[in-house]
Amino acid sequence: MAVYKRSYSAYTGKITPPWTRILVLSRYAFAEAWSSKITIGLFVFCLLPCLTSMIGIYLANNPIARALIGGAGRQGFAIDAAFFLKILQVQSWLALVLASWIAPRLISFDLADNALPILLSHPISRVGYLFGKFVALFGSLSVVTWVPCLLLFAYQGYTSPQPWVGDNLRIAAGLFEGAIIWITLLAVLGLALSAWVKWRVVATGIIFAAVFVPAGVGAIVSAVLRTKWGLLLNLPFMISTLWQRLLGASESANPRFQLPTTAIVIMLSLACVVCLGMLDKRIRAREVVRG
């Protein structure tokens, strides 16, 4: 039959729910992020400290195992908030390395290939596009942060000879909340910076610079002006202080330089708002080329 003899009509079948369209983007973004062997290698490397911590928990709760390795006369080290704080810190900074590698792969390639107009021409909004990428990055960072941390917490509760979980639920809540705050910030920051830099290698370096360069500036401001408020630019200091308070661990900073929790939360929220503004400015369905 010739084309001009065909009669066309609108599609009247079942329409895919809007929220499932976002999951399509997340699925392909997740596949893109983990298609590299470097990503797999980084993931394995990020889990090595968890394996070491698991061995430490086992030895701390098993005197027979300590005796077999020649440590019968030593008491097991304490498994407390300070122990899990170290685990959270190690895993969170390793998550920064993983995010700096994965985030540029999610958006930079779309920008370099001018794929955004094609993607956004489908029934997917800019918010849906960004949320799909965010879900992929957030899920990737979760498997190296709060998931292994809570598994170690559960393992400690299982191996402890005394009832332990009920008295330390604050540690579990702190691990979860602290990791969620950190990887949310990393995901938004990584996507925002990757959206403005088309070169993946450069984007990776900028993500590290965005975390540590303001920290150095904040330390200089605090030292010169002899004030603690310059530390509000020091992201590692702020997030470490917040982790310590969430887990109930003792704070290592000088009491004179301790920041209020409200100020830390406001600065972290402001950083997320700035990153969202950068994404809103950059992610468009069209690209303007000035001659």
Protein backbone atom coordinates (compact mmCIF):
# COMPACT_ATOMS: atom_id res chain seq x y z
CA MET A 1 0.00 0.00 0.00
CA ALA A 2 1.33 3.44 -0.90
CA VAL A 3 2.19 5.82 1.91
CA TYR A 4 -0.35 8.45 0.83
CA LYS A 5 -3.13 5.86 1.07
CA ARG A 6 -2.47 5.12 4.73
CA SER A 7 -4.60 6.85 7.35
CA TYR A 8 -2.82 7.88 10.53
CA SER A 9 -4.39 8.41 13.92
CA ALA A 10 -3.20 9.36 17.35
CA TYR A 11 -1.95 6.66 19.70
CA THR A 12 -4.74 5.57 22.03
CA GLY A 13 -2.96 2.78 23.92
CA LYS A 14 -1.66 2.71 27.45
CA ILE A 15 0.69 5.59 28.29
CA THR A 16 3.77 5.02 30.39
CA PRO A 17 3.53 6.75 33.80
CA PRO A 18 5.74 9.86 34.00
CA TRP A 19 7.78 8.56 36.94
CA THR A 20 8.85 5.44 35.03
CA ARG A 21 10.31 7.60 32.26
CA ILE A 22 12.78 8.99 34.77
CA LEU A 23 13.82 5.46 35.69
CA VAL A 24 14.72 4.84 32.05
CA LEU A 25 17.24 7.67 32.24
CA SER A 26 18.51 6.35 35.57
CA ARG A 27 18.94 2.85 34.15
CA TYR A 28 20.98 4.01 31.18
CA ALA A 29 22.94 6.48 33.30
CA PHE A 30 23.76 3.74 35.78
CA ALA A 31 24.85 1.46 32.93
CA GLU A 32 27.02 4.23 31.48
CA ALA A 33 28.64 4.96 34.84
CA TRP A 34 29.54 1.31 35.47
CA SER A 35 30.56 0.43 31.92
CA SER A 36 34.15 1.44 32.64
CA LYS A 37 36.62 -0.96 34.19
CA ILE A 38 38.04 1.96 36.14
CA THR A 39 34.69 2.35 37.89
CA ILE A 40 34.73 -1.31 38.89
CA GLY A 41 38.30 -0.97 40.14
CA LEU A 42 37.42 2.11 42.20
CA PHE A 43 34.41 0.32 43.65
CA VAL A 44 36.53 -2.63 44.77
CA PHE A 45 39.13 -0.26 46.22
CA CYS A 46 36.42 1.63 48.13
CA LEU A 47 35.25 -1.57 49.81
CA LEU A 48 38.70 -2.66 51.05
CA PRO A 49 38.54 -0.51 54.22
CA CYS A 50 35.17 -2.09 55.03
CA LEU A 51 36.74 -5.54 54.84
CA THR A 52 39.50 -4.41 57.19
CA SER A 53 36.91 -2.97 59.59
CA MET A 54 34.92 -6.21 59.51
CA ILE A 55 38.03 -8.15 60.50
CA GLY A 56 38.63 -5.66 63.32
CA ILE A 57 35.06 -6.07 64.60
CA TYR A 58 35.44 -9.85 64.53
CA LEU A 59 38.70 -9.76 66.49
CA ALA A 60 37.31 -7.28 69.01
CA ASN A 61 34.43 -9.61 69.85
CA ASN A 62 36.22 -12.96 69.66
CA PRO A 63 38.91 -13.58 72.31
CA ILE A 64 39.70 -17.01 70.81
CA ALA A 65 40.61 -15.41 67.47
CA ARG A 66 42.81 -12.87 69.27
CA ALA A 67 44.54 -15.69 71.12
CA LEU A 68 45.23 -17.55 67.89
CA ILE A 69 47.00 -14.54 66.39
CA GLY A 70 49.04 -13.95 69.55
CA GLY A 71 46.91 -11.29 71.18
CA ALA A 72 45.55 -13.22 74.14
CA GLY A 73 46.86 -10.68 76.63
CA ARG A 74 45.42 -7.66 74.91
CA GLN A 75 41.90 -6.41 75.32
CA GLY A 76 39.84 -5.85 72.21
CA PHE A 77 39.65 -2.26 71.05
CA ALA A 78 36.41 -0.41 71.62
CA ILE A 79 33.71 -0.59 68.97
CA ASP A 80 31.97 2.70 69.63
CA ALA A 81 30.96 5.93 67.95
CA ALA A 82 34.59 6.92 67.33
CA PHE A 83 35.21 3.62 65.52
CA PHE A 84 32.23 4.03 63.21
CA LEU A 85 33.07 7.70 62.70
CA LYS A 86 36.41 6.68 61.22
CA ILE A 87 34.64 4.20 58.93
CA LEU A 88 32.19 6.87 57.77
CA GLN A 89 35.00 9.35 57.14
CA VAL A 90 37.06 6.90 55.11
CA GLN A 91 34.11 5.71 53.04
CA SER A 92 32.84 9.23 52.44
CA TRP A 93 36.15 10.53 51.13
CA LEU A 94 36.50 7.48 48.93
CA ALA A 95 33.01 8.31 47.66
CA LEU A 96 34.40 11.69 46.58
CA VAL A 97 36.92 9.88 44.39
CA LEU A 98 34.19 7.71 42.91
CA ALA A 99 31.89 10.69 42.34
CA SER A 100 34.62 12.68 40.60
CA TRP A 101 34.97 9.84 38.11
CA ILE A 102 31.31 8.94 37.60
CA ALA A 103 29.63 12.38 37.57
CA PRO A 104 31.36 13.70 34.42
CA ARG A 105 30.30 10.58 32.52
CA LEU A 106 26.63 11.29 33.19
CA ILE A 107 26.27 14.81 31.78
CA SER A 108 29.49 15.79 30.01
CA PHE A 109 28.94 13.24 27.25
CA ASP A 110 25.42 14.51 26.59
CA LEU A 111 26.69 18.07 26.33
CA ALA A 112 29.68 17.19 24.17
CA ASP A 113 27.48 15.28 21.72
CA ASN A 114 24.69 17.93 21.76
CA ALA A 115 22.26 15.24 22.90
CA LEU A 116 20.22 17.40 25.26
CA PRO A 117 17.84 18.75 22.58
CA ILE A 118 17.07 15.19 21.51
CA LEU A 119 16.57 13.92 25.07
CA LEU A 120 14.42 16.85 26.15
CA SER A 121 12.30 16.60 23.01
CA HIS A 122 10.87 13.42 24.53
CA PRO A 123 8.18 13.64 27.23
CA ILE A 124 10.85 14.27 29.87
CA SER A 125 11.28 17.60 31.61
CA ARG A 126 14.57 19.17 32.64
CA VAL A 127 13.78 18.28 36.26
CA GLY A 128 13.13 14.68 35.25
CA TYR A 129 16.38 14.53 33.28
CA LEU A 130 18.42 15.85 36.21
CA PHE A 131 16.61 13.68 38.72
CA GLY A 132 17.30 10.59 36.61
CA LYS A 133 21.01 11.39 36.54
CA PHE A 134 20.93 12.22 40.25
CA VAL A 135 19.35 8.85 41.11
CA ALA A 136 22.07 7.00 39.19
CA LEU A 137 24.89 8.89 40.91
CA PHE A 138 23.21 8.76 44.33
CA GLY A 139 22.73 5.01 44.05
CA SER A 140 26.33 4.49 42.95
CA LEU A 141 27.64 6.43 45.95
CA SER A 142 25.27 4.68 48.34
CA VAL A 143 26.90 1.29 47.78
CA VAL A 144 30.20 2.62 49.17
CA THR A 145 28.89 4.81 52.01
CA TRP A 146 25.81 4.17 54.13
CA VAL A 147 25.12 0.65 52.86
CA PRO A 148 28.46 -0.88 53.99
CA CYS A 149 28.46 1.28 57.14
CA LEU A 150 25.08 -0.06 58.24
CA LEU A 151 26.12 -3.60 57.32
CA LEU A 152 29.14 -3.23 59.61
CA PHE A 153 26.85 -1.88 62.33
CA ALA A 154 24.61 -4.92 61.95
CA TYR A 155 27.64 -7.22 61.98
CA GLN A 156 28.84 -5.65 65.22
CA GLY A 157 25.43 -6.21 66.76
CA TYR A 158 25.52 -9.84 65.62
CA THR A 159 29.02 -10.63 66.91
CA SER A 160 28.85 -8.69 70.16
CA PRO A 161 28.53 -11.02 73.17
CA GLN A 162 26.46 -8.40 74.97
CA PRO A 163 23.27 -6.62 73.82
CA TRP A 164 24.66 -3.78 71.77
CA VAL A 165 22.30 -2.60 69.03
CA GLY A 166 19.59 -1.19 71.26
CA ASP A 167 22.02 1.02 73.17
CA ASN A 168 23.72 2.33 70.01
CA LEU A 169 20.88 3.09 67.62
CA ARG A 170 22.09 6.69 67.52
CA ILE A 171 25.24 5.49 65.76
CA ALA A 172 23.19 3.77 63.06
CA ALA A 173 21.00 6.84 62.58
CA GLY A 174 24.08 9.07 62.45
CA LEU A 175 25.77 6.84 59.88
CA PHE A 176 22.71 6.93 57.66
CA GLU A 177 21.97 10.65 58.01
CA GLY A 178 25.60 11.71 57.69
CA ALA A 179 26.18 9.60 54.58
CA ILE A 180 22.93 10.76 52.96
CA ILE A 181 23.84 14.43 53.49
CA TRP A 182 27.32 13.91 52.07
CA ILE A 183 26.43 11.91 48.97
CA THR A 184 23.52 14.25 48.21
CA LEU A 185 25.92 17.17 48.25
CA LEU A 186 28.47 15.24 46.18
CA ALA A 187 25.87 14.24 43.61
CA VAL A 188 24.51 17.76 43.16
CA LEU A 189 28.01 19.27 43.11
CA GLY A 190 29.33 16.69 40.66
CA LEU A 191 26.42 17.12 38.25
CA ALA A 192 26.58 20.92 38.42
CA LEU A 193 30.30 21.16 37.70
CA SER A 194 30.13 18.48 35.01
CA ALA A 195 27.35 20.41 33.27
CA TRP A 196 29.67 23.40 32.79
CA VAL A 197 32.75 21.48 31.66
CA LYS A 198 32.55 19.26 28.60
CA TRP A 199 35.95 17.64 29.13
CA ARG A 200 35.69 14.75 31.57
CA VAL A 201 39.27 14.93 32.86
CA VAL A 202 38.96 18.64 33.58
CA ALA A 203 35.59 18.10 35.28
CA THR A 204 37.13 15.48 37.55
CA GLY A 205 39.83 17.91 38.68
CA ILE A 206 37.35 20.74 39.20
CA ILE A 207 35.23 18.59 41.52
CA PHE A 208 38.26 18.04 43.76
CA ALA A 209 39.17 21.73 43.55
CA ALA A 210 35.64 22.79 44.52
CA VAL A 211 35.99 20.81 47.75
CA PHE A 212 39.54 21.60 48.82
CA VAL A 213 40.35 25.07 47.42
CA PRO A 214 37.63 26.88 49.45
CA ALA A 215 38.79 24.87 52.47
CA GLY A 216 42.27 26.39 52.14
CA VAL A 217 40.83 29.87 51.70
CA GLY A 218 38.64 29.40 54.77
CA ALA A 219 41.61 28.27 56.85
CA ILE A 220 43.60 31.35 55.78
CA VAL A 221 40.70 33.68 56.60
CA SER A 222 40.27 32.11 60.03
CA ALA A 223 43.99 32.36 60.78
CA VAL A 224 44.37 35.96 59.61
CA LEU A 225 41.20 37.35 61.16
CA ARG A 226 41.32 35.02 64.18
CA THR A 227 37.71 34.03 63.74
CA LYS A 228 35.94 30.73 63.41
CA TRP A 229 33.51 31.91 60.72
CA GLY A 230 36.06 31.49 57.96
CA LEU A 231 35.68 27.75 58.54
CA LEU A 232 32.26 27.97 56.92
CA LEU A 233 34.18 27.77 53.63
CA ASN A 234 35.95 24.63 54.80
CA LEU A 235 33.70 21.82 53.60
CA PRO A 236 35.80 18.96 55.05
CA PHE A 237 35.79 20.63 58.46
CA MET A 238 32.05 21.32 58.41
CA ILE A 239 31.02 17.86 57.32
CA SER A 240 33.39 16.20 59.81
CA THR A 241 31.95 18.30 62.62
CA LEU A 242 28.44 17.37 61.54
CA TRP A 243 29.33 13.66 61.45
CA GLN A 244 30.77 13.82 64.96
CA ARG A 245 27.59 15.38 66.31
CA LEU A 246 25.29 12.99 64.49
CA LEU A 247 27.12 9.93 65.82
CA GLY A 248 27.67 11.36 69.29
CA ALA A 249 31.45 11.12 69.05
CA SER A 250 33.77 13.53 70.82
CA GLU A 251 34.69 16.56 68.74
CA SER A 252 38.35 16.92 67.83
CA ALA A 253 38.28 20.64 67.03
CA ASN A 254 39.31 23.35 69.46
CA PRO A 255 36.19 24.52 71.34
CA ARG A 256 37.02 28.08 70.26
CA PHE A 257 36.59 27.07 66.61
CA GLN A 258 33.47 24.94 66.93
CA LEU A 259 30.72 26.01 64.52
CA PRO A 260 27.00 25.98 65.36
CA THR A 261 25.11 23.13 63.73
CA THR A 262 22.60 25.60 62.30
CA ALA A 263 25.34 27.52 60.50
CA ILE A 264 26.74 24.30 59.03
CA VAL A 265 23.33 23.19 57.76
CA ILE A 266 22.68 26.62 56.24
CA MET A 267 26.01 26.62 54.39
CA LEU A 268 25.51 23.09 53.06
CA SER A 269 21.98 23.99 51.93
CA LEU A 270 23.29 27.15 50.27
CA ALA A 271 25.90 25.12 48.41
CA CYS A 272 23.17 22.81 47.10
CA VAL A 273 21.05 25.79 46.03
CA VAL A 274 23.99 27.30 44.12
CA CYS A 275 24.61 23.96 42.37
CA LEU A 276 20.94 23.67 41.42
CA GLY A 277 21.08 27.20 40.00
CA MET A 278 24.08 26.23 37.90
CA LEU A 279 22.21 23.21 36.57
CA ASP A 280 19.13 25.28 35.79
CA LYS A 281 21.27 27.73 33.87
CA ARG A 282 23.12 25.10 31.89
CA ILE A 283 20.63 22.32 31.17
CA ARG A 284 18.56 23.67 28.29
CA ALA A 285 16.72 22.11 25.37
CA ARG A 286 18.64 24.31 22.97
CA GLU A 287 22.15 25.63 22.65
CA VAL A 288 22.85 29.19 21.59
CA VAL A 289 25.91 29.54 19.34
CA ARG A 290 27.30 33.06 19.04
CA GLY A 291 29.26 33.77 15.91
